[in-house]
Amino acid sequence: MGQRRDNNESTEEGRQQSREVTQQGQQKASEYAQQGREQAKGQIATQKERASGELHGISQALQKTAEQLKEQDQEPIGRYADQASEQAEKLSTYLSERNAEQLLNEAENLARNKPAIFLGGAFVIGVAAARFLKSSAGQREEFDVRQSAKELGSSATGKNLESQSGGESRSSGSGVSSLDDEVPSYQARGRTEQS
């Protein structure tokens, strides 16, 4: 009978430890969820202001476009531009009038009540953001390539003029200039152009 009591006590101790571990796990999960929520609120707060401002600018541009279309006897297309302008302005106002907590609660409610719409919207936003980022990166890269080509072209032209005018050339004599030869002449030219 003593052995049975020891087994029951051991089983009860095991259950108690299991409950404590479960409670600790739930507490940690709750803490992490709260930290994630706070970080999300911070991100939402900064992004909502930016988005609201950009939507307001888009609304104004669409309004001007609508006016121009109407002046050019494109009334039906002008009405569509007007409607798009109104919707962009409504969304801008909606974002600016709500705080991050309200927006987060509304997104959570939408995710719970209409998960298909929430996931579809998240997908569309993700695709749009990816396309935007990809196109801006491509434009920036293209600008950098053009700028580099322009700088190299002016550097090479400066060297040719230098050697034609009887000036001292900095090339190594092999017909190929080193990077060290190019950088100082570009920097000197940059200072005089900025002045």
C-alpha atoms as a PDB file:
ATOM      1  CA  MET A   1       0.000   0.000   0.000  1.00  0.00           C
ATOM      2  CA  GLY A   2       2.936   2.351   0.679  1.00  0.00           C
ATOM      3  CA  GLN A   3       4.219   1.781  -2.825  1.00  0.00           C
ATOM      4  CA  ARG A   4       0.849   2.716  -4.308  1.00  0.00           C
ATOM      5  CA  ARG A   5       0.835   5.959  -2.336  1.00  0.00           C
ATOM      6  CA  ASP A   6       4.353   6.762  -3.615  1.00  0.00           C
ATOM      7  CA  ASN A   7       3.192   6.086  -7.189  1.00  0.00           C
ATOM      8  CA  ASN A   8       0.148   8.322  -6.708  1.00  0.00           C
ATOM      9  CA  GLU A   9       2.308  11.084  -5.219  1.00  0.00           C
ATOM     10  CA  SER A  10       4.811  10.776  -8.079  1.00  0.00           C
ATOM     11  CA  THR A  11       1.999  10.916 -10.619  1.00  0.00           C
ATOM     12  CA  GLU A  12       0.505  13.953  -8.899  1.00  0.00           C
ATOM     13  CA  GLU A  13       3.915  15.689  -8.810  1.00  0.00           C
ATOM     14  CA  GLY A  14       4.349  14.941 -12.527  1.00  0.00           C
ATOM     15  CA  ARG A  15       0.938  16.439 -13.299  1.00  0.00           C
ATOM     16  CA  GLN A  16       1.703  19.498 -11.199  1.00  0.00           C
ATOM     17  CA  GLN A  17       5.024  20.031 -13.005  1.00  0.00           C
ATOM     18  CA  SER A  18       3.286  19.556 -16.336  1.00  0.00           C
ATOM     19  CA  ARG A  19       0.687  22.210 -15.442  1.00  0.00           C
ATOM     20  CA  GLU A  20       3.427  24.620 -14.352  1.00  0.00           C
ATOM     21  CA  VAL A  21       5.379  24.104 -17.579  1.00  0.00           C
ATOM     22  CA  THR A  22       2.194  24.607 -19.598  1.00  0.00           C
ATOM     23  CA  GLN A  23       1.390  27.825 -17.705  1.00  0.00           C
ATOM     24  CA  GLN A  24       4.928  29.119 -18.203  1.00  0.00           C
ATOM     25  CA  GLY A  25       4.710  28.319 -21.919  1.00  0.00           C
ATOM     26  CA  GLN A  26       1.375  30.113 -22.206  1.00  0.00           C
ATOM     27  CA  GLN A  27       2.764  33.100 -20.323  1.00  0.00           C
ATOM     28  CA  LYS A  28       5.816  33.305 -22.615  1.00  0.00           C
ATOM     29  CA  ALA A  29       3.619  32.943 -25.701  1.00  0.00           C
ATOM     30  CA  SER A  30       1.421  35.753 -24.404  1.00  0.00           C
ATOM     31  CA  GLU A  31       4.462  37.968 -23.778  1.00  0.00           C
ATOM     32  CA  TYR A  32       5.810  37.314 -27.286  1.00  0.00           C
ATOM     33  CA  ALA A  33       2.394  38.006 -28.799  1.00  0.00           C
ATOM     34  CA  GLN A  34       2.232  41.311 -26.916  1.00  0.00           C
ATOM     35  CA  GLN A  35       5.745  42.270 -28.072  1.00  0.00           C
ATOM     36  CA  GLY A  36       4.794  41.421 -31.654  1.00  0.00           C
ATOM     37  CA  ARG A  37       1.637  43.475 -31.357  1.00  0.00           C
ATOM     38  CA  GLU A  38       3.575  46.474 -30.036  1.00  0.00           C
ATOM     39  CA  GLN A  39       6.087  46.220 -32.883  1.00  0.00           C
ATOM     40  CA  ALA A  40       3.250  45.936 -35.402  1.00  0.00           C
ATOM     41  CA  LYS A  41       1.580  49.029 -33.926  1.00  0.00           C
ATOM     42  CA  GLY A  42       4.811  50.976 -34.284  1.00  0.00           C
ATOM     43  CA  GLN A  43       5.207  49.928 -37.913  1.00  0.00           C
ATOM     44  CA  ILE A  44       1.555  50.662 -38.675  1.00  0.00           C
ATOM     45  CA  ALA A  45       1.800  54.128 -37.127  1.00  0.00           C
ATOM     46  CA  THR A  46       4.731  55.168 -39.306  1.00  0.00           C
ATOM     47  CA  GLN A  47       3.433  53.554 -42.487  1.00  0.00           C
ATOM     48  CA  LYS A  48      -0.142  54.825 -42.155  1.00  0.00           C
ATOM     49  CA  GLU A  49       0.981  58.458 -42.120  1.00  0.00           C
ATOM     50  CA  ARG A  50       3.133  57.908 -45.188  1.00  0.00           C
ATOM     51  CA  ALA A  51       0.384  56.026 -47.006  1.00  0.00           C
ATOM     52  CA  SER A  52      -2.206  58.652 -46.109  1.00  0.00           C
ATOM     53  CA  GLY A  53      -0.021  61.430 -47.513  1.00  0.00           C
ATOM     54  CA  GLU A  54       0.704  59.518 -50.698  1.00  0.00           C
ATOM     55  CA  LEU A  55      -2.980  58.682 -51.197  1.00  0.00           C
ATOM     56  CA  HIS A  56      -3.852  62.354 -50.760  1.00  0.00           C
ATOM     57  CA  GLY A  57      -1.301  63.241 -53.459  1.00  0.00           C
ATOM     58  CA  ILE A  58      -2.692  60.553 -55.759  1.00  0.00           C
ATOM     59  CA  SER A  59      -6.192  61.890 -55.159  1.00  0.00           C
ATOM     60  CA  GLN A  60      -5.145  65.396 -56.158  1.00  0.00           C
ATOM     61  CA  ALA A  61      -3.377  64.119 -59.283  1.00  0.00           C
ATOM     62  CA  LEU A  62      -6.447  62.121 -60.287  1.00  0.00           C
ATOM     63  CA  GLN A  63      -8.647  65.172 -59.717  1.00  0.00           C
ATOM     64  CA  LYS A  64      -6.456  67.283 -62.017  1.00  0.00           C
ATOM     65  CA  THR A  65      -6.484  64.495 -64.595  1.00  0.00           C
ATOM     66  CA  ALA A  66     -10.280  64.342 -64.412  1.00  0.00           C
ATOM     67  CA  GLU A  67     -10.554  68.095 -64.968  1.00  0.00           C
ATOM     68  CA  GLN A  68      -8.221  67.945 -67.977  1.00  0.00           C
ATOM     69  CA  LEU A  69     -10.125  65.017 -69.471  1.00  0.00           C
ATOM     70  CA  LYS A  70     -13.411  66.864 -69.086  1.00  0.00           C
ATOM     71  CA  GLU A  71     -11.916  69.939 -70.786  1.00  0.00           C
ATOM     72  CA  GLN A  72     -10.851  67.681 -73.690  1.00  0.00           C
ATOM     73  CA  ASP A  73     -14.388  66.307 -74.123  1.00  0.00           C
ATOM     74  CA  GLN A  74     -13.496  62.976 -72.474  1.00  0.00           C
ATOM     75  CA  GLU A  75     -16.364  63.167 -69.984  1.00  0.00           C
ATOM     76  CA  PRO A  76     -16.830  59.387 -69.342  1.00  0.00           C
ATOM     77  CA  ILE A  77     -13.148  58.818 -68.610  1.00  0.00           C
ATOM     78  CA  GLY A  78     -13.095  62.007 -66.542  1.00  0.00           C
ATOM     79  CA  ARG A  79     -15.917  60.635 -64.354  1.00  0.00           C
ATOM     80  CA  TYR A  80     -13.891  57.466 -63.703  1.00  0.00           C
ATOM     81  CA  ALA A  81     -10.904  59.584 -62.710  1.00  0.00           C
ATOM     82  CA  ASP A  82     -13.202  61.611 -60.415  1.00  0.00           C
ATOM     83  CA  GLN A  83     -14.483  58.442 -58.758  1.00  0.00           C
ATOM     84  CA  ALA A  84     -10.959  57.104 -58.307  1.00  0.00           C
ATOM     85  CA  SER A  85      -9.926  60.459 -56.819  1.00  0.00           C
ATOM     86  CA  GLU A  86     -12.820  60.337 -54.341  1.00  0.00           C
ATOM     87  CA  GLN A  87     -11.977  56.788 -53.280  1.00  0.00           C
ATOM     88  CA  ALA A  88      -8.296  57.630 -52.794  1.00  0.00           C
ATOM     89  CA  GLU A  89      -9.258  60.661 -50.697  1.00  0.00           C
ATOM     90  CA  LYS A  90     -11.680  58.572 -48.595  1.00  0.00           C
ATOM     91  CA  LEU A  91      -8.975  56.007 -47.918  1.00  0.00           C
ATOM     92  CA  SER A  92      -6.486  58.755 -47.067  1.00  0.00           C
ATOM     93  CA  THR A  93      -8.953  60.276 -44.596  1.00  0.00           C
ATOM     94  CA  TYR A  94      -9.770  56.847 -43.150  1.00  0.00           C
ATOM     95  CA  LEU A  95      -6.088  56.174 -42.476  1.00  0.00           C
ATOM     96  CA  SER A  96      -5.351  59.586 -41.007  1.00  0.00           C
ATOM     97  CA  GLU A  97      -8.366  59.496 -38.646  1.00  0.00           C
ATOM     98  CA  ARG A  98      -7.489  56.146 -37.061  1.00  0.00           C
ATOM     99  CA  ASN A  99      -4.664  55.269 -34.740  1.00  0.00           C
ATOM    100  CA  ALA A 100      -2.489  52.181 -35.062  1.00  0.00           C
ATOM    101  CA  GLU A 101      -4.449  50.270 -32.396  1.00  0.00           C
ATOM    102  CA  GLN A 102      -7.743  50.794 -34.248  1.00  0.00           C
ATOM    103  CA  LEU A 103      -6.257  49.733 -37.578  1.00  0.00           C
ATOM    104  CA  LEU A 104      -4.701  46.644 -36.035  1.00  0.00           C
ATOM    105  CA  ASN A 105      -8.001  45.671 -34.366  1.00  0.00           C
ATOM    106  CA  GLU A 106      -9.891  46.142 -37.634  1.00  0.00           C
ATOM    107  CA  ALA A 107      -7.369  44.005 -39.512  1.00  0.00           C
ATOM    108  CA  GLU A 108      -7.615  41.281 -36.861  1.00  0.00           C
ATOM    109  CA  ASN A 109     -11.431  41.350 -37.027  1.00  0.00           C
ATOM    110  CA  LEU A 110     -11.364  41.121 -40.802  1.00  0.00           C
ATOM    111  CA  ALA A 111      -8.928  38.207 -40.627  1.00  0.00           C
ATOM    112  CA  ARG A 112     -11.192  36.389 -38.161  1.00  0.00           C
ATOM    113  CA  ASN A 113     -14.529  37.133 -39.832  1.00  0.00           C
ATOM    114  CA  LYS A 114     -13.539  37.023 -43.504  1.00  0.00           C
ATOM    115  CA  PRO A 115     -10.232  35.196 -43.849  1.00  0.00           C
ATOM    116  CA  ALA A 116     -10.537  34.740 -47.627  1.00  0.00           C
ATOM    117  CA  ILE A 117     -10.910  38.491 -48.178  1.00  0.00           C
ATOM    118  CA  PHE A 118      -8.085  39.218 -45.746  1.00  0.00           C
ATOM    119  CA  LEU A 119      -5.701  36.756 -47.420  1.00  0.00           C
ATOM    120  CA  GLY A 120      -6.711  37.929 -50.890  1.00  0.00           C
ATOM    121  CA  GLY A 121      -6.099  41.547 -49.915  1.00  0.00           C
ATOM    122  CA  ALA A 122      -2.761  40.686 -48.330  1.00  0.00           C
ATOM    123  CA  PHE A 123      -1.751  38.838 -51.500  1.00  0.00           C
ATOM    124  CA  VAL A 124      -2.729  41.744 -53.759  1.00  0.00           C
ATOM    125  CA  ILE A 125      -0.899  44.231 -51.545  1.00  0.00           C
ATOM    126  CA  GLY A 126       2.174  41.986 -51.499  1.00  0.00           C
ATOM    127  CA  VAL A 127       2.221  41.651 -55.288  1.00  0.00           C
ATOM    128  CA  ALA A 128       1.750  45.389 -55.757  1.00  0.00           C
ATOM    129  CA  ALA A 129       4.527  46.181 -53.282  1.00  0.00           C
ATOM    130  CA  ALA A 130       6.877  43.689 -54.941  1.00  0.00           C
ATOM    131  CA  ARG A 131       6.208  45.157 -58.388  1.00  0.00           C
ATOM    132  CA  PHE A 132       6.750  48.667 -57.090  1.00  0.00           C
ATOM    133  CA  LEU A 133      10.003  47.759 -55.364  1.00  0.00           C
ATOM    134  CA  LYS A 134      11.227  45.846 -58.402  1.00  0.00           C
ATOM    135  CA  SER A 135      10.471  48.719 -60.783  1.00  0.00           C
ATOM    136  CA  SER A 136      12.061  51.318 -58.492  1.00  0.00           C
ATOM    137  CA  ALA A 137      15.162  49.182 -58.072  1.00  0.00           C
ATOM    138  CA  GLY A 138      15.403  48.778 -61.855  1.00  0.00           C
ATOM    139  CA  GLN A 139      15.072  52.515 -62.423  1.00  0.00           C
ATOM    140  CA  ARG A 140      17.683  53.266 -59.758  1.00  0.00           C
ATOM    141  CA  GLU A 141      20.046  50.696 -61.253  1.00  0.00           C
ATOM    142  CA  GLU A 142      19.529  52.131 -64.747  1.00  0.00           C
ATOM    143  CA  PHE A 143      20.248  55.643 -63.423  1.00  0.00           C
ATOM    144  CA  ASP A 144      23.422  54.414 -61.689  1.00  0.00           C
ATOM    145  CA  VAL A 145      24.626  52.747 -64.903  1.00  0.00           C
ATOM    146  CA  ARG A 146      23.953  55.897 -66.946  1.00  0.00           C
ATOM    147  CA  GLN A 147      25.639  58.078 -64.355  1.00  0.00           C
ATOM    148  CA  SER A 148      28.707  55.807 -64.256  1.00  0.00           C
ATOM    149  CA  ALA A 149      28.922  55.759 -68.040  1.00  0.00           C
ATOM    150  CA  LYS A 150      28.638  59.538 -68.161  1.00  0.00           C
ATOM    151  CA  GLU A 151      31.387  59.923 -65.544  1.00  0.00           C
ATOM    152  CA  LEU A 152      33.685  57.498 -67.331  1.00  0.00           C
ATOM    153  CA  GLY A 153      33.003  59.246 -70.648  1.00  0.00           C
ATOM    154  CA  SER A 154      33.911  62.665 -69.251  1.00  0.00           C
ATOM    155  CA  SER A 155      36.974  61.206 -67.580  1.00  0.00           C
ATOM    156  CA  ALA A 156      38.176  59.645 -70.826  1.00  0.00           C
ATOM    157  CA  THR A 157      37.466  62.879 -72.750  1.00  0.00           C
ATOM    158  CA  GLY A 158      39.460  64.861 -70.200  1.00  0.00           C
ATOM    159  CA  LYS A 159      42.445  62.529 -70.664  1.00  0.00           C
ATOM    160  CA  ASN A 160      42.285  62.825 -74.440  1.00  0.00           C
ATOM    161  CA  LEU A 161      42.212  66.616 -74.260  1.00  0.00           C
ATOM    162  CA  GLU A 162      45.098  66.573 -71.817  1.00  0.00           C
ATOM    163  CA  SER A 163      47.307  64.503 -74.107  1.00  0.00           C
ATOM    164  CA  GLN A 164      46.330  66.517 -77.219  1.00  0.00           C
ATOM    165  CA  SER A 165      47.231  69.823 -75.591  1.00  0.00           C
ATOM    166  CA  GLY A 166      50.695  68.620 -74.755  1.00  0.00           C
ATOM    167  CA  GLY A 167      49.874  68.305 -71.068  1.00  0.00           C
ATOM    168  CA  GLU A 168      51.340  65.609 -68.929  1.00  0.00           C
ATOM    169  CA  SER A 169      49.407  62.363 -69.120  1.00  0.00           C
ATOM    170  CA  ARG A 170      48.907  60.212 -66.046  1.00  0.00           C
ATOM    171  CA  SER A 171      48.514  56.933 -67.871  1.00  0.00           C
ATOM    172  CA  SER A 172      51.018  54.208 -67.235  1.00  0.00           C
ATOM    173  CA  GLY A 173      52.149  54.114 -70.845  1.00  0.00           C
ATOM    174  CA  SER A 174      50.360  50.884 -71.627  1.00  0.00           C
ATOM    175  CA  GLY A 175      47.375  52.701 -73.123  1.00  0.00           C
ATOM    176  CA  VAL A 176      45.231  51.557 -70.198  1.00  0.00           C
ATOM    177  CA  SER A 177      44.811  53.830 -67.235  1.00  0.00           C
ATOM    178  CA  SER A 178      44.523  52.465 -63.752  1.00  0.00           C
ATOM    179  CA  LEU A 179      41.739  53.259 -61.352  1.00  0.00           C
ATOM    180  CA  ASP A 180      44.157  55.379 -59.328  1.00  0.00           C
ATOM    181  CA  ASP A 181      44.747  57.490 -62.456  1.00  0.00           C
ATOM    182  CA  GLU A 182      40.989  58.063 -62.965  1.00  0.00           C
ATOM    183  CA  VAL A 183      39.870  58.893 -59.440  1.00  0.00           C
ATOM    184  CA  PRO A 184      41.967  62.021 -58.786  1.00  0.00           C
ATOM    185  CA  SER A 185      41.029  63.636 -62.108  1.00  0.00           C
ATOM    186  CA  TYR A 186      37.338  62.938 -61.491  1.00  0.00           C
ATOM    187  CA  GLN A 187      37.502  64.330 -57.968  1.00  0.00           C
ATOM    188  CA  ALA A 188      39.236  67.512 -59.115  1.00  0.00           C
ATOM    189  CA  ARG A 189      36.711  67.996 -61.915  1.00  0.00           C
ATOM    190  CA  GLY A 190      33.825  67.377 -59.468  1.00  0.00           C
ATOM    191  CA  ARG A 191      35.055  70.138 -57.160  1.00  0.00           C
ATOM    192  CA  THR A 192      35.262  72.701 -59.948  1.00  0.00           C
ATOM    193  CA  GLU A 193      31.819  71.743 -61.322  1.00  0.00           C
ATOM    194  CA  GLN A 194      30.192  72.144 -57.907  1.00  0.00           C
ATOM    195  CA  SER A 195      31.729  75.595 -57.326  1.00  0.00           C
END
